[in-house]
Amino acid sequence: MTYTEEPVRPTWLDGLERVHRLTSREYEVFLLLVKGSSNQELADSLSLTERTVRAHLTQILQKLELGSRLEACLLSYAHSSRLHA
């Protein structure tokens, strides 16, 4: 018996089509998510407060229609891979 079903595409990948919705600062935070940095590490690297980073992350999740930071990290990786391909 042969398994012929096509693999299911994760729904978070649809966020790639929505990256253009991010402001320039949200985009900066989004790109840094690929490193797996904590909110404080992101804040330090961007000279922001941790609270501001949390606010940006909230907006990123909403604009990209994602359910978790993990999905945002995975999407950041997929997006970065596309940029460097």
PDB file of N, CA and C in Angstrom:
ATOM      1  N   MET A   1       0.842  -1.174   0.000  1.00  0.00           N
ATOM      2  CA  MET A   1       0.000   0.000   0.000  1.00  0.00           C
ATOM      3  C   MET A   1       0.892   1.243   0.000  1.00  0.00           C
ATOM      4  N   THR A   2       0.583   2.179  -0.880  1.00  0.00           N
ATOM      5  CA  THR A   2       1.381   3.386  -1.030  1.00  0.00           C
ATOM      6  C   THR A   2       0.659   4.582  -0.447  1.00  0.00           C
ATOM      7  N   TYR A   3       1.401   5.378   0.307  1.00  0.00           N
ATOM      8  CA  TYR A   3       0.842   6.599   0.888  1.00  0.00           C
ATOM      9  C   TYR A   3       1.009   7.723  -0.127  1.00  0.00           C
ATOM     10  N   THR A   4      -0.122   8.245  -0.675  1.00  0.00           N
ATOM     11  CA  THR A   4      -0.040   9.220  -1.758  1.00  0.00           C
ATOM     12  C   THR A   4      -0.582  10.597  -1.394  1.00  0.00           C
ATOM     13  N   GLU A   5      -1.052  10.755  -0.177  1.00  0.00           N
ATOM     14  CA  GLU A   5      -1.555  12.074   0.202  1.00  0.00           C
ATOM     15  C   GLU A   5      -0.417  13.071   0.233  1.00  0.00           C
ATOM     16  N   GLU A   6      -0.712  14.302  -0.185  1.00  0.00           N
ATOM     17  CA  GLU A   6       0.304  15.346  -0.139  1.00  0.00           C
ATOM     18  C   GLU A   6       0.447  15.828   1.301  1.00  0.00           C
ATOM     19  N   PRO A   7       1.658  16.236   1.664  1.00  0.00           N
ATOM     20  CA  PRO A   7       1.855  16.723   3.031  1.00  0.00           C
ATOM     21  C   PRO A   7       1.015  17.977   3.285  1.00  0.00           C
ATOM     22  N   VAL A   8       0.557  18.103   4.509  1.00  0.00           N
ATOM     23  CA  VAL A   8      -0.252  19.251   4.887  1.00  0.00           C
ATOM     24  C   VAL A   8       0.681  20.441   5.108  1.00  0.00           C
ATOM     25  N   ARG A   9       0.362  21.565   4.509  1.00  0.00           N
ATOM     26  CA  ARG A   9       1.150  22.783   4.660  1.00  0.00           C
ATOM     27  C   ARG A   9       0.726  23.457   5.961  1.00  0.00           C
ATOM     28  N   PRO A  10       1.689  23.772   6.830  1.00  0.00           N
ATOM     29  CA  PRO A  10       1.320  24.433   8.089  1.00  0.00           C
ATOM     30  C   PRO A  10       0.634  25.772   7.826  1.00  0.00           C
ATOM     31  N   THR A  11      -0.409  26.069   8.565  1.00  0.00           N
ATOM     32  CA  THR A  11      -1.161  27.309   8.337  1.00  0.00           C
ATOM     33  C   THR A  11      -0.341  28.550   8.651  1.00  0.00           C
ATOM     34  N   TRP A  12       0.638  28.441   9.561  1.00  0.00           N
ATOM     35  CA  TRP A  12       1.444  29.625   9.880  1.00  0.00           C
ATOM     36  C   TRP A  12       2.245  30.104   8.681  1.00  0.00           C
ATOM     37  N   LEU A  13       2.493  29.246   7.700  1.00  0.00           N
ATOM     38  CA  LEU A  13       3.216  29.669   6.501  1.00  0.00           C
ATOM     39  C   LEU A  13       2.447  30.702   5.689  1.00  0.00           C
ATOM     40  N   ASP A  14       1.130  30.753   5.862  1.00  0.00           N
ATOM     41  CA  ASP A  14       0.329  31.766   5.174  1.00  0.00           C
ATOM     42  C   ASP A  14       0.750  33.179   5.584  1.00  0.00           C
ATOM     43  N   GLY A  15       1.372  33.281   6.747  1.00  0.00           N
ATOM     44  CA  GLY A  15       1.848  34.580   7.222  1.00  0.00           C
ATOM     45  C   GLY A  15       2.895  35.199   6.317  1.00  0.00           C
ATOM     46  N   LEU A  16       3.578  34.391   5.500  1.00  0.00           N
ATOM     47  CA  LEU A  16       4.561  34.932   4.563  1.00  0.00           C
ATOM     48  C   LEU A  16       3.925  35.953   3.626  1.00  0.00           C
ATOM     49  N   GLU A  17       2.663  35.746   3.318  1.00  0.00           N
ATOM     50  CA  GLU A  17       1.950  36.651   2.418  1.00  0.00           C
ATOM     51  C   GLU A  17       1.516  37.939   3.124  1.00  0.00           C
ATOM     52  N   ARG A  18       1.719  38.003   4.446  1.00  0.00           N
ATOM     53  CA  ARG A  18       1.259  39.166   5.212  1.00  0.00           C
ATOM     54  C   ARG A  18       2.407  39.968   5.829  1.00  0.00           C
ATOM     55  N   VAL A  19       3.645  39.573   5.581  1.00  0.00           N
ATOM     56  CA  VAL A  19       4.792  40.256   6.172  1.00  0.00           C
ATOM     57  C   VAL A  19       4.798  41.743   5.803  1.00  0.00           C
ATOM     58  N   HIS A  20       4.297  42.073   4.627  1.00  0.00           N
ATOM     59  CA  HIS A  20       4.263  43.476   4.191  1.00  0.00           C
ATOM     60  C   HIS A  20       3.417  44.363   5.109  1.00  0.00           C
ATOM     61  N   ARG A  21       2.586  43.779   5.942  1.00  0.00           N
ATOM     62  CA  ARG A  21       1.735  44.541   6.865  1.00  0.00           C
ATOM     63  C   ARG A  21       2.524  45.148   8.029  1.00  0.00           C
ATOM     64  N   LEU A  22       3.729  44.641   8.272  1.00  0.00           N
ATOM     65  CA  LEU A  22       4.499  45.071   9.432  1.00  0.00           C
ATOM     66  C   LEU A  22       5.133  46.443   9.202  1.00  0.00           C
ATOM     67  N   THR A  23       5.197  47.228  10.276  1.00  0.00           N
ATOM     68  CA  THR A  23       5.940  48.486  10.213  1.00  0.00           C
ATOM     69  C   THR A  23       7.429  48.146  10.150  1.00  0.00           C
ATOM     70  N   SER A  24       8.249  49.128   9.885  1.00  0.00           N
ATOM     71  CA  SER A  24       9.687  48.859   9.790  1.00  0.00           C
ATOM     72  C   SER A  24      10.247  48.354  11.120  1.00  0.00           C
ATOM     73  N   ARG A  25       9.789  48.898  12.239  1.00  0.00           N
ATOM     74  CA  ARG A  25      10.288  48.457  13.547  1.00  0.00           C
ATOM     75  C   ARG A  25       9.785  47.051  13.869  1.00  0.00           C
ATOM     76  N   GLU A  26       8.512  46.763  13.569  1.00  0.00           N
ATOM     77  CA  GLU A  26       7.977  45.416  13.770  1.00  0.00           C
ATOM     78  C   GLU A  26       8.749  44.414  12.911  1.00  0.00           C
ATOM     79  N   TYR A  27       9.104  44.828  11.717  1.00  0.00           N
ATOM     80  CA  TYR A  27       9.859  43.962  10.809  1.00  0.00           C
ATOM     81  C   TYR A  27      11.246  43.661  11.384  1.00  0.00           C
ATOM     82  N   GLU A  28      11.874  44.669  11.981  1.00  0.00           N
ATOM     83  CA  GLU A  28      13.170  44.451  12.627  1.00  0.00           C
ATOM     84  C   GLU A  28      13.058  43.406  13.733  1.00  0.00           C
ATOM     85  N   VAL A  29      12.038  43.548  14.568  1.00  0.00           N
ATOM     86  CA  VAL A  29      11.814  42.586  15.654  1.00  0.00           C
ATOM     87  C   VAL A  29      11.536  41.212  15.062  1.00  0.00           C
ATOM     88  N   PHE A  30      10.691  41.163  14.038  1.00  0.00           N
ATOM     89  CA  PHE A  30      10.338  39.909  13.377  1.00  0.00           C
ATOM     90  C   PHE A  30      11.579  39.194  12.861  1.00  0.00           C
ATOM     91  N   LEU A  31      12.478  39.915  12.212  1.00  0.00           N
ATOM     92  CA  LEU A  31      13.684  39.296  11.672  1.00  0.00           C
ATOM     93  C   LEU A  31      14.592  38.751  12.764  1.00  0.00           C
ATOM     94  N   LEU A  32      14.609  39.407  13.929  1.00  0.00           N
ATOM     95  CA  LEU A  32      15.458  38.955  15.030  1.00  0.00           C
ATOM     96  C   LEU A  32      14.899  37.729  15.754  1.00  0.00           C
ATOM     97  N   LEU A  33      13.622  37.445  15.546  1.00  0.00           N
ATOM     98  CA  LEU A  33      13.014  36.271  16.188  1.00  0.00           C
ATOM     99  C   LEU A  33      13.702  34.977  15.763  1.00  0.00           C
ATOM    100  N   VAL A  34      14.288  34.976  14.593  1.00  0.00           N
ATOM    101  CA  VAL A  34      14.936  33.768  14.071  1.00  0.00           C
ATOM    102  C   VAL A  34      16.068  33.304  14.986  1.00  0.00           C
ATOM    103  N   LYS A  35      16.643  34.226  15.761  1.00  0.00           N
ATOM    104  CA  LYS A  35      17.744  33.878  16.664  1.00  0.00           C
ATOM    105  C   LYS A  35      17.268  33.209  17.945  1.00  0.00           C
ATOM    106  N   GLY A  36      15.971  33.264  18.212  1.00  0.00           N
ATOM    107  CA  GLY A  36      15.442  32.674  19.438  1.00  0.00           C
ATOM    108  C   GLY A  36      15.744  33.504  20.675  1.00  0.00           C
ATOM    109  N   SER A  37      15.960  34.788  20.479  1.00  0.00           N
ATOM    110  CA  SER A  37      16.295  35.691  21.580  1.00  0.00           C
ATOM    111  C   SER A  37      15.100  35.931  22.495  1.00  0.00           C
ATOM    112  N   SER A  38      15.402  36.210  23.740  1.00  0.00           N
ATOM    113  CA  SER A  38      14.349  36.571  24.695  1.00  0.00           C
ATOM    114  C   SER A  38      13.892  38.007  24.412  1.00  0.00           C
ATOM    115  N   ASN A  39      12.784  38.394  25.009  1.00  0.00           N
ATOM    116  CA  ASN A  39      12.303  39.765  24.850  1.00  0.00           C
ATOM    117  C   ASN A  39      13.354  40.768  25.304  1.00  0.00           C
ATOM    118  N   GLN A  40      14.026  40.474  26.420  1.00  0.00           N
ATOM    119  CA  GLN A  40      15.041  41.394  26.928  1.00  0.00           C
ATOM    120  C   GLN A  40      16.225  41.479  25.970  1.00  0.00           C
ATOM    121  N   GLU A  41      16.617  40.359  25.399  1.00  0.00           N
ATOM    122  CA  GLU A  41      17.715  40.368  24.430  1.00  0.00           C
ATOM    123  C   GLU A  41      17.340  41.166  23.179  1.00  0.00           C
ATOM    124  N   LEU A  42      16.099  41.007  22.728  1.00  0.00           N
ATOM    125  CA  LEU A  42      15.626  41.799  21.588  1.00  0.00           C
ATOM    126  C   LEU A  42      15.637  43.276  21.945  1.00  0.00           C
ATOM    127  N   ALA A  43      15.147  43.603  23.126  1.00  0.00           N
ATOM    128  CA  ALA A  43      15.111  44.996  23.573  1.00  0.00           C
ATOM    129  C   ALA A  43      16.509  45.590  23.613  1.00  0.00           C
ATOM    130  N   ASP A  44      17.451  44.857  24.170  1.00  0.00           N
ATOM    131  CA  ASP A  44      18.825  45.342  24.266  1.00  0.00           C
ATOM    132  C   ASP A  44      19.438  45.580  22.886  1.00  0.00           C
ATOM    133  N   SER A  45      19.216  44.652  21.968  1.00  0.00           N
ATOM    134  CA  SER A  45      19.823  44.785  20.643  1.00  0.00           C
ATOM    135  C   SER A  45      19.200  45.901  19.817  1.00  0.00           C
ATOM    136  N   LEU A  46      17.962  46.289  20.133  1.00  0.00           N
ATOM    137  CA  LEU A  46      17.280  47.353  19.390  1.00  0.00           C
ATOM    138  C   LEU A  46      17.177  48.662  20.177  1.00  0.00           C
ATOM    139  N   SER A  47      17.767  48.688  21.356  1.00  0.00           N
ATOM    140  CA  SER A  47      17.710  49.866  22.235  1.00  0.00           C
ATOM    141  C   SER A  47      16.255  50.261  22.536  1.00  0.00           C
ATOM    142  N   LEU A  48      15.476  49.258  22.908  1.00  0.00           N
ATOM    143  CA  LEU A  48      14.071  49.440  23.268  1.00  0.00           C
ATOM    144  C   LEU A  48      13.856  48.909  24.674  1.00  0.00           C
ATOM    145  N   THR A  49      12.696  49.190  25.239  1.00  0.00           N
ATOM    146  CA  THR A  49      12.337  48.565  26.502  1.00  0.00           C
ATOM    147  C   THR A  49      11.718  47.207  26.202  1.00  0.00           C
ATOM    148  N   GLU A  50      11.737  46.344  27.196  1.00  0.00           N
ATOM    149  CA  GLU A  50      11.116  45.023  27.019  1.00  0.00           C
ATOM    150  C   GLU A  50       9.615  45.177  26.767  1.00  0.00           C
ATOM    151  N   ARG A  51       9.013  46.139  27.410  1.00  0.00           N
ATOM    152  CA  ARG A  51       7.579  46.380  27.217  1.00  0.00           C
ATOM    153  C   ARG A  51       7.271  46.738  25.761  1.00  0.00           C
ATOM    154  N   THR A  52       8.136  47.555  25.152  1.00  0.00           N
ATOM    155  CA  THR A  52       7.944  47.930  23.744  1.00  0.00           C
ATOM    156  C   THR A  52       8.092  46.708  22.848  1.00  0.00           C
ATOM    157  N   VAL A  53       9.047  45.866  23.150  1.00  0.00           N
ATOM    158  CA  VAL A  53       9.226  44.636  22.368  1.00  0.00           C
ATOM    159  C   VAL A  53       7.977  43.765  22.478  1.00  0.00           C
ATOM    160  N   ARG A  54       7.439  43.626  23.676  1.00  0.00           N
ATOM    161  CA  ARG A  54       6.204  42.837  23.856  1.00  0.00           C
ATOM    162  C   ARG A  54       5.065  43.424  23.024  1.00  0.00           C
ATOM    163  N   ALA A  55       4.979  44.753  22.992  1.00  0.00           N
ATOM    164  CA  ALA A  55       3.932  45.408  22.193  1.00  0.00           C
ATOM    165  C   ALA A  55       4.134  45.113  20.703  1.00  0.00           C
ATOM    166  N   HIS A  56       5.369  45.182  20.255  1.00  0.00           N
ATOM    167  CA  HIS A  56       5.649  44.861  18.848  1.00  0.00           C
ATOM    168  C   HIS A  56       5.307  43.404  18.546  1.00  0.00           C
ATOM    169  N   LEU A  57       5.652  42.509  19.454  1.00  0.00           N
ATOM    170  CA  LEU A  57       5.340  41.091  19.239  1.00  0.00           C
ATOM    171  C   LEU A  57       3.836  40.853  19.155  1.00  0.00           C
ATOM    172  N   THR A  58       3.089  41.540  19.986  1.00  0.00           N
ATOM    173  CA  THR A  58       1.627  41.433  19.933  1.00  0.00           C
ATOM    174  C   THR A  58       1.118  41.861  18.568  1.00  0.00           C
ATOM    175  N   GLN A  59       1.639  42.986  18.071  1.00  0.00           N
ATOM    176  CA  GLN A  59       1.223  43.478  16.755  1.00  0.00           C
ATOM    177  C   GLN A  59       1.644  42.520  15.644  1.00  0.00           C
ATOM    178  N   ILE A  60       2.830  41.966  15.760  1.00  0.00           N
ATOM    179  CA  ILE A  60       3.316  41.007  14.756  1.00  0.00           C
ATOM    180  C   ILE A  60       2.389  39.799  14.692  1.00  0.00           C
ATOM    181  N   LEU A  61       2.038  39.249  15.848  1.00  0.00           N
ATOM    182  CA  LEU A  61       1.140  38.091  15.879  1.00  0.00           C
ATOM    183  C   LEU A  61      -0.207  38.429  15.256  1.00  0.00           C
ATOM    184  N   GLN A  62      -0.736  39.608  15.568  1.00  0.00           N
ATOM    185  CA  GLN A  62      -2.033  40.005  15.016  1.00  0.00           C
ATOM    186  C   GLN A  62      -1.959  40.218  13.513  1.00  0.00           C
ATOM    187  N   LYS A  63      -0.980  40.989  13.068  1.00  0.00           N
ATOM    188  CA  LYS A  63      -0.890  41.320  11.646  1.00  0.00           C
ATOM    189  C   LYS A  63      -0.586  40.111  10.772  1.00  0.00           C
ATOM    190  N   LEU A  64       0.186  39.183  11.294  1.00  0.00           N
ATOM    191  CA  LEU A  64       0.517  37.987  10.518  1.00  0.00           C
ATOM    192  C   LEU A  64      -0.470  36.852  10.756  1.00  0.00           C
ATOM    193  N   GLU A  65      -1.442  37.105  11.645  1.00  0.00           N
ATOM    194  CA  GLU A  65      -2.499  36.141  11.967  1.00  0.00           C
ATOM    195  C   GLU A  65      -1.899  34.822  12.480  1.00  0.00           C
ATOM    196  N   LEU A  66      -1.023  34.971  13.474  1.00  0.00           N
ATOM    197  CA  LEU A  66      -0.357  33.826  14.082  1.00  0.00           C
ATOM    198  C   LEU A  66      -0.870  33.614  15.489  1.00  0.00           C
ATOM    199  N   GLY A  67      -0.766  32.400  15.966  1.00  0.00           N
ATOM    200  CA  GLY A  67      -1.289  32.069  17.280  1.00  0.00           C
ATOM    201  C   GLY A  67      -0.272  32.018  18.391  1.00  0.00           C
ATOM    202  N   SER A  68       1.021  32.071  18.043  1.00  0.00           N
ATOM    203  CA  SER A  68       2.029  31.948  19.090  1.00  0.00           C
ATOM    204  C   SER A  68       3.360  32.535  18.648  1.00  0.00           C
ATOM    205  N   ARG A  69       4.203  32.767  19.629  1.00  0.00           N
ATOM    206  CA  ARG A  69       5.560  33.234  19.354  1.00  0.00           C
ATOM    207  C   ARG A  69       6.331  32.162  18.574  1.00  0.00           C
ATOM    208  N   LEU A  70       6.083  30.902  18.879  1.00  0.00           N
ATOM    209  CA  LEU A  70       6.744  29.827  18.144  1.00  0.00           C
ATOM    210  C   LEU A  70       6.439  29.926  16.655  1.00  0.00           C
ATOM    211  N   GLU A  71       5.180  30.132  16.303  1.00  0.00           N
ATOM    212  CA  GLU A  71       4.821  30.287  14.898  1.00  0.00           C
ATOM    213  C   GLU A  71       5.527  31.496  14.291  1.00  0.00           C
ATOM    214  N   ALA A  72       5.636  32.576  15.056  1.00  0.00           N
ATOM    215  CA  ALA A  72       6.335  33.771  14.571  1.00  0.00           C
ATOM    216  C   ALA A  72       7.812  33.471  14.335  1.00  0.00           C
ATOM    217  N   CYS A  73       8.422  32.711  15.224  1.00  0.00           N
ATOM    218  CA  CYS A  73       9.834  32.323  15.064  1.00  0.00           C
ATOM    219  C   CYS A  73      10.020  31.452  13.821  1.00  0.00           C
ATOM    220  N   LEU A  74       9.140  30.488  13.646  1.00  0.00           N
ATOM    221  CA  LEU A  74       9.214  29.620  12.476  1.00  0.00           C
ATOM    222  C   LEU A  74       9.014  30.414  11.189  1.00  0.00           C
ATOM    223  N   LEU A  75       8.076  31.343  11.217  1.00  0.00           N
ATOM    224  CA  LEU A  75       7.812  32.169  10.045  1.00  0.00           C
ATOM    225  C   LEU A  75       8.997  33.088   9.759  1.00  0.00           C
ATOM    226  N   SER A  76       9.611  33.615  10.805  1.00  0.00           N
ATOM    227  CA  SER A  76      10.793  34.446  10.637  1.00  0.00           C
ATOM    228  C   SER A  76      11.904  33.652   9.964  1.00  0.00           C
ATOM    229  N   TYR A  77      12.078  32.413  10.380  1.00  0.00           N
ATOM    230  CA  TYR A  77      13.074  31.542   9.765  1.00  0.00           C
ATOM    231  C   TYR A  77      12.749  31.296   8.290  1.00  0.00           C
ATOM    232  N   ALA A  78      11.503  30.987   8.010  1.00  0.00           N
ATOM    233  CA  ALA A  78      11.088  30.732   6.613  1.00  0.00           C
ATOM    234  C   ALA A  78      11.278  31.983   5.762  1.00  0.00           C
ATOM    235  N   HIS A  79      10.926  33.135   6.314  1.00  0.00           N
ATOM    236  CA  HIS A  79      11.076  34.407   5.587  1.00  0.00           C
ATOM    237  C   HIS A  79      12.553  34.702   5.341  1.00  0.00           C
ATOM    238  N   SER A  80      13.369  34.540   6.373  1.00  0.00           N
ATOM    239  CA  SER A  80      14.810  34.797   6.233  1.00  0.00           C
ATOM    240  C   SER A  80      15.438  33.851   5.218  1.00  0.00           C
ATOM    241  N   SER A  81      14.981  32.621   5.197  1.00  0.00           N
ATOM    242  CA  SER A  81      15.492  31.645   4.228  1.00  0.00           C
ATOM    243  C   SER A  81      15.189  32.082   2.806  1.00  0.00           C
ATOM    244  N   ARG A  82      14.011  32.644   2.608  1.00  0.00           N
ATOM    245  CA  ARG A  82      13.630  33.146   1.290  1.00  0.00           C
ATOM    246  C   ARG A  82      14.515  34.318   0.874  1.00  0.00           C
ATOM    247  N   LEU A  83      14.846  35.189   1.843  1.00  0.00           N
ATOM    248  CA  LEU A  83      15.662  36.369   1.543  1.00  0.00           C
ATOM    249  C   LEU A  83      17.075  35.984   1.124  1.00  0.00           C
ATOM    250  N   HIS A  84      17.573  34.881   1.692  1.00  0.00           N
ATOM    251  CA  HIS A  84      18.959  34.479   1.455  1.00  0.00           C
ATOM    252  C   HIS A  84      19.088  33.341   0.438  1.00  0.00           C
ATOM    253  N   ALA A  85      17.973  33.020  -0.207  1.00  0.00           N
ATOM    254  CA  ALA A  85      18.006  31.907  -1.183  1.00  0.00           C
ATOM    255  C   ALA A  85      18.507  32.386  -2.541  1.00  0.00           C
TER     256      ALA A  85
END
